[in-house]
Every structure is written in C-alpha cells, then in structure tokens.
Amino acid sequence: MSKKLTSVLLFLLLMQISVNPLLAAKNCANTSVGFIPLIDMGANQLYKGQSGGLYVNGSNSVPLAHLQMAQIAAGQVKPVNGKIGFISVGMSNVSQEFIVFQELVDSDPGVQNSIVTVNGAQSGQSADRWVTPEPGTNPWSVLSSRISSAGLSKEQVQVVWLKQANRDTAETPGLEDAMLLKSNLVYMVKKLKTDYPAIKIIYVSSRIYAGYASGHSSIEPLAYESGFAFRWLIQDQMGITNPTGTSEIDYNNSPVIVWAPYIWADGLNPRSDGLVWKCEDFQDDGGHPSASGELKVAQMLMNFFKTSPLAASWFTGSAPPPTMNVSPSKTPTPPSGQKPGDANGDNKVDGLDYVVWLNNYNKTVSNGSASGDFDGNGKVDGLDYVIWLVNYNK
C-alpha cells in the first residue's frame, strides 16, 4: 500500500472518530458515577427532585389496580394458531442483547414451544428515529418485514420487550432528556397498539450503566435518567400525575406496560441484589455491551420471564396463570336485580359498560355501577375492570 493511500486512510479514520463518538475509547477508570439505582432508592431519597422506586412512592411493587390489569393481560397471552409472537423493539444495544436472549430461549426446554421471538430492535434506531424515521430508513417497516419473515401474522404478535434511549442529547440541570424520551415512548407504545392490536403486554427496561462510555449521547447520567422516563410512562397509564403530566396513554390506546428487569447498576458499586457492571462487559466504545454484557442482560431476561407471575404462565407454558388479587371485602354484592359489571342497567354486560368504566377510570364517583364503580368503593379502578371482564357477555 502506498504511503499516500495509507495517509488518506488514516485521515479518514481520524475523521470518522471525530464525527462518530461511538468509536471513542472507553474509560475503564470511571467505575462509579455515584447514583443510586431506582430499585434501591426510597421515597425520601431524591435525584433532581424525583424519588426512587420503579412504580410509585419509592416502591418496586406494582400498585394493585395496575397489577390486576397486568394479570389480566398476561393471562390473555395464548398461542394463536400455535404461536405466541414475542418481539423486541429498540436500538443497537437491545438488538445485541435480544440475540443472546433468543439463543437462550431456543436452547431451554423450559420455554413453551409456541414462543416465536423476533428481534425487531435495530442498530442506530434510537427512540427519536422511531418517531421520525430518517429518509430511507423506517424502523417500523423493518419490524414488519422481520415479523413476516418469522412466519408470524399481526394477530400472533402479543408480547413486546421495549428498551430505548434518545440520540444526540446532552445532560441538563433538569430531566429534559428523560421527558423527551417519555414523549417518544408514548408515541411508540401507541403505534405498537395500532399496528399490532393483539399485543397484550409490553415489558420495559431502561439502559444499562454507561459510565465507561466516552463522548456519545448515551453517557451518564442520561442512561441512568432513562429509568425515570419508563417509570413516568407507566405512571401515566395508571393515571398518576408525574413531571410529564398524565392522560397521554391509558388501557385503551396502549397495551398494559410493566417493568421487565431493571438493569442499571452503578458500575462496580454493587446494588442490593449484587449486580455490577465491569468494564469488560462493554465494547471498546464503553456504550455497547460486549459478549459478557449481552449475556448478563439475556440471563436477567430469562430469569424474569421464567419466574415472574406476570410472565411465567405464557412463557413456560407450565406455570399457573396469574392469580387475580381481588379482596372479597372489595367486591360487595351489587344492588338487587343489577348484574355485576352492568353500568347502563340494560341487564347485559358488554362493550357499552366497558366504555362507561373507561370514561370514568381513576375517578372518584358516588353513583356506583352507573359510573363503572362495580365494587362500590367510590373509585373506578382496575378492580372494577376485573368485575366487568369476569361477567362480560353474560
């Protein structure tokens, strides 16, 4: 090779490094950023004004009303013409991690044979690009093509693992990047519902540690802060006020959303369950997982889907279906002559009654079943939905 050609190639490589920060070397000295994982933060511990926990008030437990919606959704995941379509949606990290997860699924006899996994995550397709695709690259079209190539119909796609991040954003004094990410996630879950109406449940994870990364948009604290975006997304569906507001999504325009494994840990500083992220768990850019990092995420996913009461029944095919946690004290006998779940008094429990429940969801009411409050506790919530569902079409 001539010296001139060598010089040109070296110049181009240096230029590529300067414009593509993903090629920057990782910083293995940055073994901690000092943030507390959301699962280890209590209600009184704050980060930029936000308390910890995956759901509400520092708790990692699913609130009862939302839990019951998730139990119903998970219980409805069943083979359609012999198949349960399980797709991933996200960017390059998600694609890498899901490939290894697929290998574990295919080699594990404890996974139901009807599960068909499709890696819909795509390199370079961050959340903003799923919202506004770049010319010539539409991740939704690629997703559709991959689903078809796997021999799945839209009606068979029922489960999603969603993990995302924004691109080309920077840290701010507040949580603006997380707020933008939450807005992008709202668009994505709504479109998933529109394009694949048979989806029952979306399991979400935020980013892994990015403290070893150098010079690109997923460095800390943005990876850590992405956890708040997913929490706000779920809170929005539950009707709980959060910094991004409420009412963008509900149980009608989005599948039920719950946490899959929360996979962020503060580098080598162990979190409560012992999880750490070593420098060797990442590729040279410090942002993408290496083989060991991919396997770490894949194993956490496998453990979750095989053991979680909100996933194991459909994933293994042998675990019992989710148990409805309805307290007998919260399901009093309805007024004489009125069917449970019948809101409009026509002596039928049907879609019209569901509309009444949905329009009053998360409201305090005083007129009982007429407003969808079928258990008479003064609030229209997931307990009332369970009553409607159990009596539907009766």
Protein backbone atom coordinates (compact mmCIF):
# COMPACT_ATOMS: atom_id res chain seq x y z
CA MET A 1 0.00 0.00 0.00
CA SER A 2 1.43 3.42 -0.93
CA LYS A 3 2.29 5.97 1.74
CA LYS A 4 -0.17 8.38 0.13
CA LEU A 5 -3.02 5.88 0.32
CA THR A 6 -2.06 4.99 3.89
CA SER A 7 -2.13 8.65 4.84
CA VAL A 8 -5.53 9.10 3.25
CA LEU A 9 -6.98 6.09 5.05
CA LEU A 10 -5.50 7.27 8.36
CA PHE A 11 -7.01 10.72 7.81
CA LEU A 12 -10.42 9.22 7.08
CA LEU A 13 -10.21 7.05 10.18
CA LEU A 14 -9.34 10.04 12.35
CA MET A 15 -12.18 11.99 10.79
CA GLN A 16 -14.58 9.11 11.49
CA ILE A 17 -13.52 9.03 15.12
CA SER A 18 -14.05 12.77 15.40
CA VAL A 19 -17.57 12.67 13.96
CA ASN A 20 -18.59 9.29 15.30
CA PRO A 21 -18.06 9.37 19.06
CA LEU A 22 -19.12 5.74 19.37
CA LEU A 23 -15.59 4.91 18.21
CA ALA A 24 -14.03 6.74 21.16
CA ALA A 25 -12.16 4.53 23.64
CA LYS A 26 -13.94 3.52 26.82
CA ASN A 27 -12.86 4.91 30.18
CA CYS A 28 -12.34 1.94 32.49
CA ALA A 29 -11.36 4.23 35.36
CA ASN A 30 -14.94 5.52 35.66
CA THR A 31 -16.15 2.64 37.80
CA SER A 32 -18.93 4.61 39.51
CA VAL A 33 -21.00 7.74 38.98
CA GLY A 34 -22.48 7.77 42.47
CA PHE A 35 -26.16 7.44 41.56
CA ILE A 36 -28.48 5.13 43.49
CA PRO A 37 -30.32 2.54 41.34
CA LEU A 38 -34.05 3.21 41.28
CA ILE A 39 -34.76 -0.15 42.89
CA ASP A 40 -32.62 0.84 45.89
CA MET A 41 -33.94 4.40 46.31
CA GLY A 42 -36.64 5.05 48.84
CA ALA A 43 -39.46 7.56 48.72
CA ASN A 44 -37.39 10.07 50.71
CA GLN A 45 -34.27 9.82 48.55
CA LEU A 46 -34.27 12.26 45.66
CA TYR A 47 -32.48 12.68 42.37
CA LYS A 48 -33.21 16.02 40.69
CA GLY A 49 -36.44 16.15 42.66
CA GLN A 50 -37.51 12.59 41.84
CA SER A 51 -37.87 9.82 44.42
CA GLY A 52 -36.86 6.24 43.81
CA GLY A 53 -38.74 3.04 43.09
CA LEU A 54 -40.00 1.58 39.85
CA TYR A 55 -43.65 2.45 40.33
CA VAL A 56 -44.96 4.85 42.99
CA ASN A 57 -43.71 6.40 46.25
CA GLY A 58 -40.39 4.59 46.30
CA SER A 59 -41.96 1.16 45.80
CA ASN A 60 -40.88 -1.53 43.34
CA SER A 61 -44.22 -3.33 43.71
CA VAL A 62 -46.92 -2.95 41.09
CA PRO A 63 -49.88 -0.99 42.53
CA LEU A 64 -52.96 -3.19 42.96
CA ALA A 65 -55.18 -1.73 40.23
CA HIS A 66 -52.36 -1.80 37.67
CA LEU A 67 -51.26 -5.23 38.85
CA GLN A 68 -54.69 -6.61 38.08
CA MET A 69 -54.66 -5.08 34.61
CA ALA A 70 -51.27 -6.71 34.05
CA GLN A 71 -52.51 -10.04 35.40
CA ILE A 72 -55.44 -9.95 33.00
CA ALA A 73 -53.18 -9.04 30.09
CA ALA A 74 -50.62 -11.75 30.87
CA GLY A 75 -53.39 -14.30 31.27
CA GLN A 76 -54.70 -13.47 27.82
CA VAL A 77 -51.38 -14.31 26.12
CA LYS A 78 -52.08 -17.65 24.49
CA PRO A 79 -50.97 -19.38 21.28
CA VAL A 80 -52.81 -18.20 18.19
CA ASN A 81 -52.68 -20.91 15.55
CA GLY A 82 -49.91 -22.46 17.62
CA LYS A 83 -47.73 -19.37 18.04
CA ILE A 84 -47.06 -16.56 20.51
CA GLY A 85 -45.16 -13.74 18.84
CA PHE A 86 -42.64 -12.08 21.19
CA ILE A 87 -40.80 -9.10 19.69
CA SER A 88 -38.08 -6.72 20.83
CA VAL A 89 -38.19 -3.02 19.97
CA GLY A 90 -35.27 -0.66 20.44
CA MET A 91 -31.83 0.33 19.25
CA SER A 92 -28.50 -1.47 18.76
CA ASN A 93 -27.91 -2.43 22.41
CA VAL A 94 -31.34 -4.03 22.54
CA SER A 95 -30.67 -5.92 19.32
CA GLN A 96 -27.40 -7.31 20.68
CA GLU A 97 -28.94 -8.36 23.99
CA PHE A 98 -32.02 -9.89 22.41
CA ILE A 99 -29.97 -12.02 20.02
CA VAL A 100 -28.34 -13.74 23.01
CA PHE A 101 -31.71 -13.98 24.74
CA GLN A 102 -33.09 -15.73 21.65
CA GLU A 103 -30.26 -18.25 21.85
CA LEU A 104 -31.11 -18.98 25.48
CA VAL A 105 -34.79 -19.34 24.63
CA ASP A 106 -34.07 -21.76 21.80
CA SER A 107 -31.87 -23.94 23.99
CA ASP A 108 -34.06 -24.00 27.10
CA PRO A 109 -36.57 -26.89 27.25
CA GLY A 110 -38.45 -24.99 29.93
CA VAL A 111 -39.68 -22.40 27.43
CA GLN A 112 -43.00 -23.04 25.72
CA ASN A 113 -42.54 -24.33 22.17
CA SER A 114 -45.13 -21.91 20.83
CA ILE A 115 -42.91 -18.87 21.60
CA VAL A 116 -41.59 -17.28 18.40
CA THR A 117 -39.11 -14.49 19.12
CA VAL A 118 -38.44 -11.71 16.61
CA ASN A 119 -35.58 -9.27 17.06
CA GLY A 120 -37.22 -6.02 15.96
CA ALA A 121 -34.55 -3.83 17.57
CA GLN A 122 -32.26 -2.16 15.06
CA SER A 123 -28.83 -0.55 15.04
CA GLY A 124 -28.95 3.23 15.06
CA GLN A 125 -32.69 3.36 15.57
CA SER A 126 -32.99 5.35 18.78
CA ALA A 127 -36.36 6.43 20.13
CA ASP A 128 -36.47 9.67 18.17
CA ARG A 129 -35.91 7.78 14.91
CA TRP A 130 -38.85 5.51 15.61
CA VAL A 131 -40.92 8.67 15.98
CA THR A 132 -39.44 10.49 12.96
CA PRO A 133 -37.67 8.00 10.69
CA GLU A 134 -34.74 9.25 8.67
CA PRO A 135 -35.15 9.23 4.88
CA GLY A 136 -34.69 5.73 3.51
CA THR A 137 -34.72 4.01 6.92
CA ASN A 138 -38.07 3.27 8.50
CA PRO A 139 -37.71 1.02 11.58
CA TRP A 140 -41.43 0.25 11.54
CA SER A 141 -41.16 -1.18 8.02
CA VAL A 142 -38.14 -3.25 9.04
CA LEU A 143 -40.02 -4.53 12.08
CA SER A 144 -42.98 -5.55 9.94
CA SER A 145 -40.70 -7.33 7.49
CA ARG A 146 -38.93 -9.26 10.22
CA ILE A 147 -42.23 -10.33 11.77
CA SER A 148 -43.46 -11.60 8.41
CA SER A 149 -40.16 -13.38 7.74
CA ALA A 150 -40.56 -15.22 11.05
CA GLY A 151 -43.87 -16.60 9.82
CA LEU A 152 -45.98 -14.53 12.18
CA SER A 153 -49.19 -12.68 11.46
CA LYS A 154 -50.16 -9.47 13.23
CA GLU A 155 -52.70 -11.41 15.25
CA GLN A 156 -49.95 -13.62 16.68
CA VAL A 157 -47.76 -10.75 17.97
CA GLN A 158 -48.75 -10.45 21.64
CA VAL A 159 -45.68 -9.57 23.70
CA VAL A 160 -43.03 -6.82 23.49
CA TRP A 161 -39.75 -6.12 25.24
CA LEU A 162 -39.13 -2.38 24.86
CA LYS A 163 -35.87 -0.65 25.73
CA GLN A 164 -34.90 2.70 24.28
CA ALA A 165 -32.83 5.88 24.52
CA ASN A 166 -32.61 9.21 22.74
CA ARG A 167 -29.77 10.12 20.42
CA ASP A 168 -27.62 13.26 20.30
CA THR A 169 -28.89 14.73 23.56
CA ALA A 170 -26.93 16.13 26.47
CA GLU A 171 -27.21 16.42 30.23
CA THR A 172 -29.21 19.36 31.57
CA PRO A 173 -29.78 20.62 35.13
CA GLY A 174 -33.21 19.02 35.00
CA LEU A 175 -34.55 15.83 33.43
CA GLU A 176 -35.32 17.20 29.98
CA ASP A 177 -33.82 14.23 28.14
CA ALA A 178 -35.93 11.80 30.19
CA MET A 179 -39.01 13.90 29.49
CA LEU A 180 -38.28 13.82 25.76
CA LEU A 181 -37.70 10.08 25.94
CA LYS A 182 -41.01 9.59 27.71
CA SER A 183 -42.76 11.56 24.96
CA ASN A 184 -41.10 9.36 22.32
CA LEU A 185 -42.08 6.22 24.23
CA VAL A 186 -45.71 7.36 24.32
CA TYR A 187 -45.70 7.55 20.54
CA MET A 188 -44.10 4.13 20.25
CA VAL A 189 -46.48 2.24 22.55
CA LYS A 190 -49.48 3.84 20.87
CA LYS A 191 -48.22 2.88 17.43
CA LEU A 192 -47.46 -0.65 18.58
CA LYS A 193 -51.08 -0.90 19.71
CA THR A 194 -52.32 0.48 16.38
CA ASP A 195 -50.09 -1.65 14.16
CA TYR A 196 -50.35 -4.82 16.25
CA PRO A 197 -53.67 -4.70 18.12
CA ALA A 198 -53.22 -8.23 19.51
CA ILE A 199 -50.33 -7.08 21.75
CA LYS A 200 -51.41 -7.72 25.30
CA ILE A 201 -48.47 -6.52 27.35
CA ILE A 202 -45.26 -4.51 26.97
CA TYR A 203 -42.35 -5.22 29.31
CA VAL A 204 -39.85 -2.37 29.61
CA SER A 205 -36.24 -1.94 30.69
CA SER A 206 -34.15 1.21 30.84
CA ARG A 207 -30.46 1.45 29.97
CA ILE A 208 -27.51 -0.38 31.48
CA TYR A 209 -24.59 1.54 33.04
CA ALA A 210 -22.87 3.93 30.65
CA GLY A 211 -20.16 5.38 32.86
CA TYR A 212 -17.39 3.73 30.85
CA ALA A 213 -18.60 5.41 27.66
CA SER A 214 -16.78 8.38 26.29
CA GLY A 215 -18.17 11.10 24.09
CA HIS A 216 -21.56 9.89 22.89
CA SER A 217 -25.16 10.61 23.69
CA SER A 218 -25.79 7.65 25.96
CA ILE A 219 -23.17 8.59 28.56
CA GLU A 220 -24.16 9.12 32.14
CA PRO A 221 -26.29 10.50 33.62
CA LEU A 222 -28.60 10.06 30.62
CA ALA A 223 -28.57 6.26 30.81
CA TYR A 224 -29.45 6.41 34.49
CA GLU A 225 -32.12 9.08 33.93
CA SER A 226 -33.83 6.98 31.25
CA GLY A 227 -35.27 4.93 34.12
CA PHE A 228 -37.45 7.87 35.10
CA ALA A 229 -38.86 8.08 31.56
CA PHE A 230 -40.10 4.48 31.72
CA ARG A 231 -41.49 5.00 35.22
CA TRP A 232 -43.40 8.09 34.07
CA LEU A 233 -44.72 6.11 31.12
CA ILE A 234 -46.23 3.52 33.44
CA GLN A 235 -47.47 6.15 35.88
CA ASP A 236 -49.18 7.91 33.00
CA GLN A 237 -51.07 4.74 32.14
CA MET A 238 -52.08 4.38 35.78
CA GLY A 239 -53.40 7.95 35.79
CA ILE A 240 -50.78 9.14 38.29
CA THR A 241 -49.53 12.69 37.92
CA ASN A 242 -45.81 12.95 37.11
CA PRO A 243 -43.49 15.65 35.73
CA THR A 244 -44.67 14.92 32.18
CA GLY A 245 -48.37 15.15 33.04
CA THR A 246 -50.96 12.41 32.60
CA SER A 247 -53.56 11.10 30.18
CA GLU A 248 -51.30 10.61 27.16
CA ILE A 249 -51.84 6.86 27.37
CA ASP A 250 -54.39 4.63 29.07
CA TYR A 251 -55.51 1.00 28.90
CA ASN A 252 -57.38 1.64 25.68
CA ASN A 253 -54.74 3.22 23.44
CA SER A 254 -51.78 1.19 24.72
CA PRO A 255 -51.11 -2.37 25.84
CA VAL A 256 -50.54 -2.78 29.57
CA ILE A 257 -47.00 -1.70 30.46
CA VAL A 258 -44.93 -3.17 33.30
CA TRP A 259 -41.26 -3.34 34.18
CA ALA A 260 -39.11 -6.20 32.96
CA PRO A 261 -35.73 -6.37 34.74
CA TYR A 262 -34.33 -3.01 35.80
CA ILE A 263 -30.76 -3.48 34.61
CA TRP A 264 -28.89 -0.31 35.61
CA ALA A 265 -26.27 -0.57 38.35
CA ASP A 266 -23.58 1.91 39.41
CA GLY A 267 -20.58 0.32 37.72
CA LEU A 268 -18.55 -1.69 40.21
CA ASN A 269 -20.64 -0.44 43.14
CA PRO A 270 -22.95 -3.42 43.82
CA ARG A 271 -26.64 -2.73 44.10
CA SER A 272 -28.83 -4.55 46.64
CA ASP A 273 -29.04 -7.74 44.55
CA GLY A 274 -25.30 -7.73 43.80
CA LEU A 275 -25.46 -6.58 40.17
CA VAL A 276 -22.37 -4.76 38.91
CA TRP A 277 -21.16 -3.65 35.50
CA LYS A 278 -17.46 -4.25 34.78
CA CYS A 279 -15.50 -2.50 32.07
CA GLU A 280 -15.05 -5.82 30.26
CA ASP A 281 -18.85 -6.03 29.98
CA PHE A 282 -18.59 -3.34 27.27
CA GLN A 283 -17.11 -2.99 23.83
CA ASP A 284 -14.32 -0.51 23.15
CA ASP A 285 -16.76 2.43 22.94
CA GLY A 286 -17.91 1.80 26.51
CA GLY A 287 -21.56 2.08 25.50
CA HIS A 288 -22.39 -1.14 23.67
CA PRO A 289 -22.29 -4.38 25.66
CA SER A 290 -19.60 -6.95 24.98
CA ALA A 291 -20.35 -10.68 24.87
CA SER A 292 -20.33 -10.83 28.67
CA GLY A 293 -22.61 -7.79 28.92
CA GLU A 294 -25.04 -9.22 26.38
CA LEU A 295 -25.18 -12.50 28.27
CA LYS A 296 -25.73 -10.69 31.57
CA VAL A 297 -28.81 -8.92 30.23
CA ALA A 298 -30.08 -12.05 28.45
CA GLN A 299 -29.84 -14.10 31.64
CA MET A 300 -31.72 -11.45 33.62
CA LEU A 301 -34.46 -11.51 30.99
CA MET A 302 -34.65 -15.30 31.10
CA ASN A 303 -34.93 -15.32 34.88
CA PHE A 304 -37.66 -12.70 34.78
CA PHE A 305 -39.81 -14.34 32.12
CA LYS A 306 -39.47 -17.80 33.67
CA THR A 307 -40.30 -16.73 37.21
CA SER A 308 -42.37 -13.53 37.18
CA PRO A 309 -46.07 -14.06 37.98
CA LEU A 310 -46.74 -11.59 35.18
CA ALA A 311 -44.94 -13.64 32.52
CA ALA A 312 -44.18 -17.22 33.53
CA SER A 313 -47.55 -18.70 32.59
CA TRP A 314 -47.31 -17.84 28.89
CA PHE A 315 -43.52 -18.06 28.67
CA THR A 316 -43.09 -21.52 30.17
CA GLY A 317 -46.49 -22.96 29.37
CA SER A 318 -46.38 -24.83 32.67
CA ALA A 319 -46.57 -22.15 35.35
CA PRO A 320 -50.04 -21.38 36.71
CA PRO A 321 -51.84 -18.38 35.20
CA PRO A 322 -51.72 -15.08 37.13
CA THR A 323 -53.91 -15.06 40.24
CA MET A 324 -56.33 -12.17 40.47
CA ASN A 325 -55.68 -10.34 43.73
CA VAL A 326 -59.25 -9.27 44.40
CA SER A 327 -60.14 -8.91 48.05
CA PRO A 328 -63.63 -10.22 48.89
CA SER A 329 -64.15 -7.10 51.01
CA LYS A 330 -63.79 -5.02 47.88
CA THR A 331 -66.37 -6.86 45.84
CA PRO A 332 -69.67 -6.36 47.65
CA THR A 333 -72.92 -7.70 46.30
CA PRO A 334 -74.28 -5.30 43.65
CA PRO A 335 -77.74 -3.73 44.06
CA SER A 336 -80.62 -6.17 43.86
CA GLY A 337 -81.58 -7.02 40.30
CA GLN A 338 -78.45 -5.49 38.76
CA LYS A 339 -75.79 -7.65 37.18
CA PRO A 340 -72.17 -7.16 38.27
CA GLY A 341 -70.41 -5.21 35.53
CA ASP A 342 -73.64 -3.78 34.09
CA ALA A 343 -73.20 0.01 34.12
CA ASN A 344 -76.14 1.12 31.99
CA GLY A 345 -78.77 -1.10 33.57
CA ASP A 346 -79.74 -2.98 30.40
CA ASN A 347 -79.16 -6.32 32.17
CA LYS A 348 -76.23 -7.14 29.86
CA VAL A 349 -72.52 -6.86 30.45
CA ASP A 350 -70.97 -5.75 27.18
CA GLY A 351 -68.82 -3.15 25.44
CA LEU A 352 -71.15 -0.31 26.37
CA ASP A 353 -70.44 -0.96 30.03
CA TYR A 354 -66.71 -1.05 29.33
CA VAL A 355 -66.93 2.42 27.77
CA VAL A 356 -68.58 3.72 30.94
CA TRP A 357 -65.79 2.19 33.04
CA LEU A 358 -63.07 3.58 30.75
CA ASN A 359 -64.52 7.11 30.69
CA ASN A 360 -64.50 7.21 34.48
CA TYR A 361 -61.27 5.30 35.11
CA ASN A 362 -59.25 6.65 38.07
CA LYS A 363 -62.08 8.98 39.12
CA THR A 364 -63.82 9.22 42.47
CA VAL A 365 -67.56 8.72 41.95
CA SER A 366 -70.68 8.49 44.10
CA ASN A 367 -73.23 6.71 41.93
CA GLY A 368 -71.72 3.21 41.89
CA SER A 369 -72.18 0.98 38.87
CA ALA A 370 -73.67 3.77 36.78
CA SER A 371 -70.16 5.25 36.61
CA GLY A 372 -68.30 1.94 36.35
CA ASP A 373 -67.67 1.60 40.10
CA PHE A 374 -68.84 -2.02 40.21
CA ASP A 375 -67.43 -2.80 43.66
CA GLY A 376 -68.96 0.27 45.24
CA ASN A 377 -65.78 1.56 46.89
CA GLY A 378 -66.17 5.06 45.45
CA LYS A 379 -63.32 4.79 42.95
CA VAL A 380 -63.28 3.48 39.39
CA ASP A 381 -60.14 1.36 39.06
CA GLY A 382 -58.73 -1.98 37.94
CA LEU A 383 -60.84 -3.90 40.46
CA ASP A 384 -63.94 -2.73 38.62
CA TYR A 385 -62.44 -3.79 35.30
CA VAL A 386 -61.93 -7.29 36.70
CA ILE A 387 -65.63 -7.43 37.66
CA TRP A 388 -66.64 -6.29 34.18
CA LEU A 389 -64.31 -8.79 32.49
CA VAL A 390 -65.42 -11.76 34.61
CA ASN A 391 -69.06 -11.06 33.75
CA TYR A 392 -68.56 -9.97 30.13
CA ASN A 393 -71.14 -11.31 27.70
CA LYS A 394 -73.24 -12.80 30.49
